[in-house]
Amino acid sequence: MTDAAALPGQPRGIVTSGQATARAVNVLAPNPSAMTLDGTNTWLVSEPGSELAVVIDPGPLDEGHLKAVIAAAEQAGKRVALTLLTHGHPDHAEGAGRFAELTGTKVRALDPAQRLGDEGLAAGNVIRTGGLELRVVGTPGHTADSLCFHLPADRAVLTGDTILGRGTTVVAHPDGRLGDYLDSLRRLRSLTVDDGVHTVLPGHGPVLDDAQGAVEFYLAHRAHRLAQVETAVENGLTTAEAVVARVYADVDRSLWPAATWSVRAQLEYLRDHGLIPGGPE
């Protein structure tokens, strides 16, 4: 068995509900799958001693899970005051409307279609609730509306699907774009270098204690996959599906449809940069 400390990002191991940092508690949703790993991590974030809490990504529309999030807040002597979304995929956001009904909170998101209330979210926003400070980081790429939340007091960043606790994420083409995603990874790397962020609180999978190592692994992985896709095209492969079968041969076939999104994003990137002549569709 590989020591977790030797893996990219130094994952903590098994994913469970509970305290992850001084200000962040995970409530794990019961929706495990090949795409969601152990399930969606719903984050309950609050300043120690405060009666107010912020929930990030209520998760799927599962009544039991939504009530478990509220119960976790109440057990800590807190009230949910605000709901935030990292992005609009159903495993993160489908339960937001019902959660807002249960808690009486507004839902803030980058995508207006995901909001409940007048306030949205944008890169550079600073959210202050009950003494807690969260800084909104624009990280498009997985989806166009993807955001991360920098929690400076814990030297942590909540990454949604931009960085996972295990494996790598999908660039969900055509909404997601690889160039945007690479820029977002570099933006997160700057948080680790310039702002001292060392902990990743992901939307799926275990907490990572080496944020910079995780980002560097993601960047290297993307460069490697991009080179493989370019080589596959040079060798005459003419469809995204054929490229997936060649480049992702070591990946579980149940993930090939998602891998096809990423390949289409990679092909678009290579065409845009003049690295392949037209390329397959």
Protein backbone atom coordinates (compact mmCIF):
# COMPACT_ATOMS: atom_id res chain seq x y z
CA MET A 1 0.00 0.00 0.00
CA THR A 2 1.31 3.44 -0.91
CA ASP A 3 1.87 5.89 1.92
CA ALA A 4 -0.64 8.74 1.53
CA ALA A 5 2.14 11.23 2.25
CA ALA A 6 3.86 10.04 -0.94
CA LEU A 7 0.81 10.65 -3.12
CA PRO A 8 0.19 13.94 -4.96
CA GLY A 9 -1.06 16.55 -2.51
CA GLN A 10 -0.58 14.26 0.53
CA PRO A 11 -4.22 13.10 0.91
CA ARG A 12 -5.36 12.36 4.43
CA GLY A 13 -6.78 8.99 3.45
CA ILE A 14 -10.34 7.86 4.12
CA VAL A 15 -13.07 10.43 3.48
CA THR A 16 -15.42 10.99 6.40
CA SER A 17 -17.69 13.67 7.75
CA GLY A 18 -16.08 15.81 10.45
CA GLN A 19 -13.67 18.59 11.27
CA ALA A 20 -11.04 19.21 8.60
CA THR A 21 -9.54 22.53 9.73
CA ALA A 22 -10.24 24.93 12.57
CA ARG A 23 -13.05 26.51 10.51
CA ALA A 24 -14.19 23.83 8.08
CA VAL A 25 -16.34 20.75 8.71
CA ASN A 26 -17.18 18.20 6.02
CA VAL A 27 -20.61 16.60 5.73
CA LEU A 28 -20.22 13.80 3.19
CA ALA A 29 -23.20 13.27 0.87
CA PRO A 30 -24.40 9.71 0.22
CA ASN A 31 -23.84 9.86 -3.55
CA PRO A 32 -20.65 7.88 -4.24
CA SER A 33 -19.89 7.00 -7.87
CA ALA A 34 -17.03 6.80 -10.35
CA MET A 35 -17.46 10.52 -11.02
CA THR A 36 -18.15 11.72 -7.46
CA LEU A 37 -15.61 9.43 -5.74
CA ASP A 38 -16.72 8.93 -2.10
CA GLY A 39 -19.56 11.43 -2.59
CA THR A 40 -19.89 15.21 -2.56
CA ASN A 41 -18.14 17.05 0.26
CA THR A 42 -20.52 19.68 1.62
CA TRP A 43 -18.50 22.20 3.60
CA LEU A 44 -19.77 23.93 6.73
CA VAL A 45 -17.44 26.86 7.39
CA SER A 46 -17.51 29.24 10.36
CA GLU A 47 -15.35 31.34 12.63
CA PRO A 48 -14.66 29.66 15.99
CA GLY A 49 -17.02 31.10 18.58
CA SER A 50 -19.41 32.53 16.00
CA GLU A 51 -23.07 31.54 15.88
CA LEU A 52 -23.19 31.91 12.09
CA ALA A 53 -21.98 29.47 9.45
CA VAL A 54 -21.62 29.37 5.66
CA VAL A 55 -22.39 26.24 3.65
CA ILE A 56 -20.51 25.60 0.42
CA ASP A 57 -22.13 23.16 -2.05
CA PRO A 58 -25.23 21.67 -0.36
CA GLY A 59 -24.89 18.76 -2.77
CA PRO A 60 -27.55 16.55 -4.34
CA LEU A 61 -31.27 16.82 -3.70
CA ASP A 62 -31.23 14.34 -0.86
CA GLU A 63 -33.43 15.32 2.07
CA GLY A 64 -31.48 13.25 4.55
CA HIS A 65 -28.18 14.83 3.55
CA LEU A 66 -29.53 18.38 3.62
CA LYS A 67 -30.93 17.82 7.09
CA ALA A 68 -27.64 16.26 8.19
CA VAL A 69 -25.85 19.48 7.18
CA ILE A 70 -28.27 21.53 9.26
CA ALA A 71 -27.89 19.10 12.17
CA ALA A 72 -24.09 19.42 11.99
CA ALA A 73 -24.43 23.19 12.27
CA GLU A 74 -26.87 22.95 15.16
CA GLN A 75 -24.67 20.48 17.02
CA ALA A 76 -21.89 23.06 16.81
CA GLY A 77 -24.22 25.75 18.15
CA LYS A 78 -24.44 27.52 14.81
CA ARG A 79 -27.05 28.70 12.33
CA VAL A 80 -26.56 28.53 8.57
CA ALA A 81 -26.58 32.14 7.37
CA LEU A 82 -25.49 31.82 3.74
CA THR A 83 -25.15 29.21 0.99
CA LEU A 84 -22.45 29.38 -1.71
CA LEU A 85 -21.86 27.28 -4.83
CA THR A 86 -18.53 26.41 -6.43
CA HIS A 87 -20.39 25.64 -9.68
CA GLY A 88 -23.74 24.43 -10.93
CA HIS A 89 -23.26 20.70 -11.51
CA PRO A 90 -26.12 18.75 -9.87
CA ASP A 91 -23.94 16.81 -7.43
CA HIS A 92 -22.95 20.17 -5.92
CA ALA A 93 -25.97 22.37 -6.51
CA GLU A 94 -29.14 20.34 -7.09
CA GLY A 95 -30.09 20.49 -3.41
CA ALA A 96 -29.47 24.24 -3.06
CA GLY A 97 -33.08 25.31 -3.59
CA ARG A 98 -34.46 22.90 -1.00
CA PHE A 99 -31.60 23.74 1.38
CA ALA A 100 -32.49 27.42 1.05
CA GLU A 101 -36.08 26.56 2.00
CA LEU A 102 -34.94 24.60 5.05
CA THR A 103 -32.52 27.27 6.26
CA GLY A 104 -34.05 30.50 4.99
CA THR A 105 -30.76 31.43 3.35
CA LYS A 106 -29.88 33.02 0.05
CA VAL A 107 -27.83 31.08 -2.49
CA ARG A 108 -24.95 32.94 -4.10
CA ALA A 109 -23.29 31.64 -7.27
CA LEU A 110 -21.49 32.95 -10.33
CA ASP A 111 -24.20 31.65 -12.68
CA PRO A 112 -27.40 33.74 -12.30
CA ALA A 113 -29.47 30.62 -13.00
CA GLN A 114 -28.14 29.04 -9.80
CA ARG A 115 -28.79 32.02 -7.50
CA LEU A 116 -31.60 32.51 -5.01
CA GLY A 117 -31.61 36.18 -4.07
CA ASP A 118 -30.17 39.30 -5.60
CA GLU A 119 -26.48 38.74 -4.88
CA GLY A 120 -24.17 36.76 -7.09
CA LEU A 121 -20.50 35.93 -6.82
CA ALA A 122 -17.51 37.17 -8.77
CA ALA A 123 -13.75 36.79 -8.62
CA GLY A 124 -12.31 39.18 -6.06
CA ASN A 125 -15.39 39.28 -3.85
CA VAL A 126 -14.73 39.01 -0.12
CA ILE A 127 -17.47 37.37 1.93
CA ARG A 128 -17.67 38.13 5.63
CA THR A 129 -20.14 36.28 7.81
CA GLY A 130 -19.95 36.10 11.59
CA GLY A 131 -16.29 37.12 11.54
CA LEU A 132 -15.42 34.54 8.88
CA GLU A 133 -13.60 35.76 5.77
CA LEU A 134 -13.78 33.95 2.43
CA ARG A 135 -12.15 35.30 -0.73
CA VAL A 136 -13.69 34.34 -4.07
CA VAL A 137 -11.19 33.05 -6.64
CA GLY A 138 -12.26 32.79 -10.28
CA THR A 139 -11.25 29.35 -11.55
CA PRO A 140 -13.09 28.58 -14.81
CA GLY A 141 -12.09 25.51 -16.77
CA HIS A 142 -13.86 22.50 -15.27
CA THR A 143 -16.95 24.57 -16.06
CA ALA A 144 -17.30 28.20 -17.11
CA ASP A 145 -18.87 29.06 -13.72
CA SER A 146 -16.33 27.32 -11.47
CA LEU A 147 -15.14 29.22 -8.40
CA CYS A 148 -12.87 28.45 -5.46
CA PHE A 149 -12.99 29.99 -1.99
CA HIS A 150 -9.79 31.02 -0.22
CA LEU A 151 -10.01 30.66 3.56
CA PRO A 152 -6.96 32.67 4.62
CA ALA A 153 -7.30 32.10 8.37
CA ASP A 154 -6.85 28.35 7.82
CA ARG A 155 -4.39 28.74 4.93
CA ALA A 156 -6.84 26.65 2.93
CA VAL A 157 -8.76 26.77 -0.34
CA LEU A 158 -12.09 25.12 -1.09
CA THR A 159 -11.78 23.92 -4.68
CA GLY A 160 -15.06 22.30 -5.73
CA ASP A 161 -14.13 20.19 -8.76
CA THR A 162 -11.15 22.29 -9.85
CA ILE A 163 -8.86 20.10 -7.74
CA LEU A 164 -10.08 16.79 -6.36
CA GLY A 165 -8.79 14.90 -3.36
CA ARG A 166 -8.02 11.87 -5.52
CA GLY A 167 -7.36 11.52 -9.24
CA THR A 168 -7.86 14.41 -11.64
CA THR A 169 -10.87 16.38 -12.78
CA VAL A 170 -12.65 16.61 -16.12
CA VAL A 171 -12.63 19.66 -18.36
CA ALA A 172 -16.33 19.53 -19.22
CA HIS A 173 -16.18 20.68 -22.85
CA PRO A 174 -17.72 22.72 -24.42
CA ASP A 175 -18.64 24.64 -21.27
CA GLY A 176 -15.20 23.97 -19.82
CA ARG A 177 -12.08 25.10 -21.69
CA LEU A 178 -8.56 23.80 -21.19
CA GLY A 179 -6.83 27.17 -21.57
CA ASP A 180 -9.04 28.60 -18.83
CA TYR A 181 -8.39 25.57 -16.65
CA LEU A 182 -4.60 25.85 -16.97
CA ASP A 183 -4.82 29.54 -16.07
CA SER A 184 -6.94 28.63 -13.04
CA LEU A 185 -4.41 26.06 -11.86
CA ARG A 186 -1.68 28.69 -12.13
CA ARG A 187 -3.87 31.07 -10.14
CA LEU A 188 -4.19 28.46 -7.41
CA ARG A 189 -0.46 27.85 -7.49
CA SER A 190 0.07 31.54 -6.78
CA LEU A 191 -2.10 31.16 -3.67
CA THR A 192 0.25 28.45 -2.43
CA VAL A 193 3.37 30.49 -3.22
CA ASP A 194 2.28 34.03 -2.37
CA ASP A 195 -0.49 33.52 0.20
CA GLY A 196 0.74 30.47 2.10
CA VAL A 197 -2.16 28.18 1.23
CA HIS A 198 -1.24 24.60 2.14
CA THR A 199 -4.58 22.78 2.50
CA VAL A 200 -7.04 21.82 -0.24
CA LEU A 201 -10.63 21.21 0.83
CA PRO A 202 -11.98 19.54 -2.34
CA GLY A 203 -15.52 18.92 -3.56
CA HIS A 204 -14.78 15.17 -3.71
CA GLY A 205 -12.19 12.96 -2.08
CA PRO A 206 -9.90 13.44 0.90
CA VAL A 207 -8.43 16.68 2.18
CA LEU A 208 -4.97 17.43 0.74
CA ASP A 209 -2.26 18.76 3.04
CA ASP A 210 0.17 19.75 0.27
CA ALA A 211 -1.73 22.24 -1.89
CA GLN A 212 1.31 23.23 -3.94
CA GLY A 213 2.19 19.61 -4.63
CA ALA A 214 -1.38 18.96 -5.78
CA VAL A 215 -1.36 21.92 -8.16
CA GLU A 216 2.02 21.01 -9.59
CA PHE A 217 0.82 17.43 -10.14
CA TYR A 218 -2.28 18.69 -11.95
CA LEU A 219 -0.25 20.97 -14.20
CA ALA A 220 2.22 18.18 -15.03
CA HIS A 221 -0.62 15.73 -15.66
CA ARG A 222 -2.34 18.14 -18.06
CA ALA A 223 0.90 18.75 -19.96
CA HIS A 224 1.46 14.98 -20.24
CA ARG A 225 -2.08 14.27 -21.47
CA LEU A 226 -1.88 17.14 -23.94
CA ALA A 227 1.33 15.73 -25.41
CA GLN A 228 -0.28 12.28 -25.68
CA VAL A 229 -3.31 13.69 -27.50
CA GLU A 230 -1.07 15.63 -29.90
CA THR A 231 0.90 12.47 -30.65
CA ALA A 232 -2.30 10.48 -31.19
CA VAL A 233 -3.49 13.01 -33.78
CA GLU A 234 -0.09 12.99 -35.48
CA ASN A 235 -0.43 9.19 -35.70
CA GLY A 236 -3.64 9.55 -37.68
CA LEU A 237 -6.45 9.15 -35.16
CA THR A 238 -9.45 11.01 -36.51
CA THR A 239 -12.09 11.06 -33.76
CA ALA A 240 -12.14 12.10 -30.13
CA GLU A 241 -13.39 8.62 -29.24
CA ALA A 242 -10.39 7.02 -30.94
CA VAL A 243 -8.05 9.36 -29.09
CA VAL A 244 -9.68 8.40 -25.78
CA ALA A 245 -9.26 4.69 -26.53
CA ARG A 246 -5.55 5.26 -27.17
CA VAL A 247 -4.64 7.87 -24.55
CA TYR A 248 -6.98 6.75 -21.75
CA ALA A 249 -6.50 3.00 -22.24
CA ASP A 250 -5.38 2.73 -18.61
CA VAL A 251 -8.56 4.39 -17.31
CA ASP A 252 -11.74 2.53 -16.32
CA ARG A 253 -14.01 2.41 -19.38
CA SER A 254 -16.91 3.75 -17.33
CA LEU A 255 -15.01 7.06 -17.28
CA TRP A 256 -14.39 7.21 -21.03
CA PRO A 257 -17.47 9.36 -21.77
CA ALA A 258 -16.16 11.97 -19.33
CA ALA A 259 -12.66 11.57 -20.75
CA THR A 260 -14.12 12.40 -24.17
CA TRP A 261 -15.11 15.84 -22.83
CA SER A 262 -11.51 16.42 -21.77
CA VAL A 263 -10.14 15.19 -25.09
CA ARG A 264 -12.43 17.56 -26.99
CA ALA A 265 -11.14 20.38 -24.79
CA GLN A 266 -7.55 19.30 -25.47
CA LEU A 267 -8.16 19.13 -29.22
CA GLU A 268 -9.68 22.60 -29.18
CA TYR A 269 -6.66 23.90 -27.25
CA LEU A 270 -4.21 22.31 -29.69
CA ARG A 271 -6.07 23.74 -32.70
CA ASP A 272 -6.29 27.19 -31.12
CA HIS A 273 -2.53 27.18 -30.56
CA GLY A 274 -1.73 25.92 -34.06
CA LEU A 275 -0.29 22.64 -32.76
CA ILE A 276 -2.54 20.43 -34.91
CA PRO A 277 -3.98 21.26 -38.33
CA GLY A 278 -7.71 21.38 -37.78
CA GLY A 279 -7.78 18.13 -35.86
CA PRO A 280 -10.58 15.62 -35.30
CA GLU A 281 -14.01 16.61 -34.04
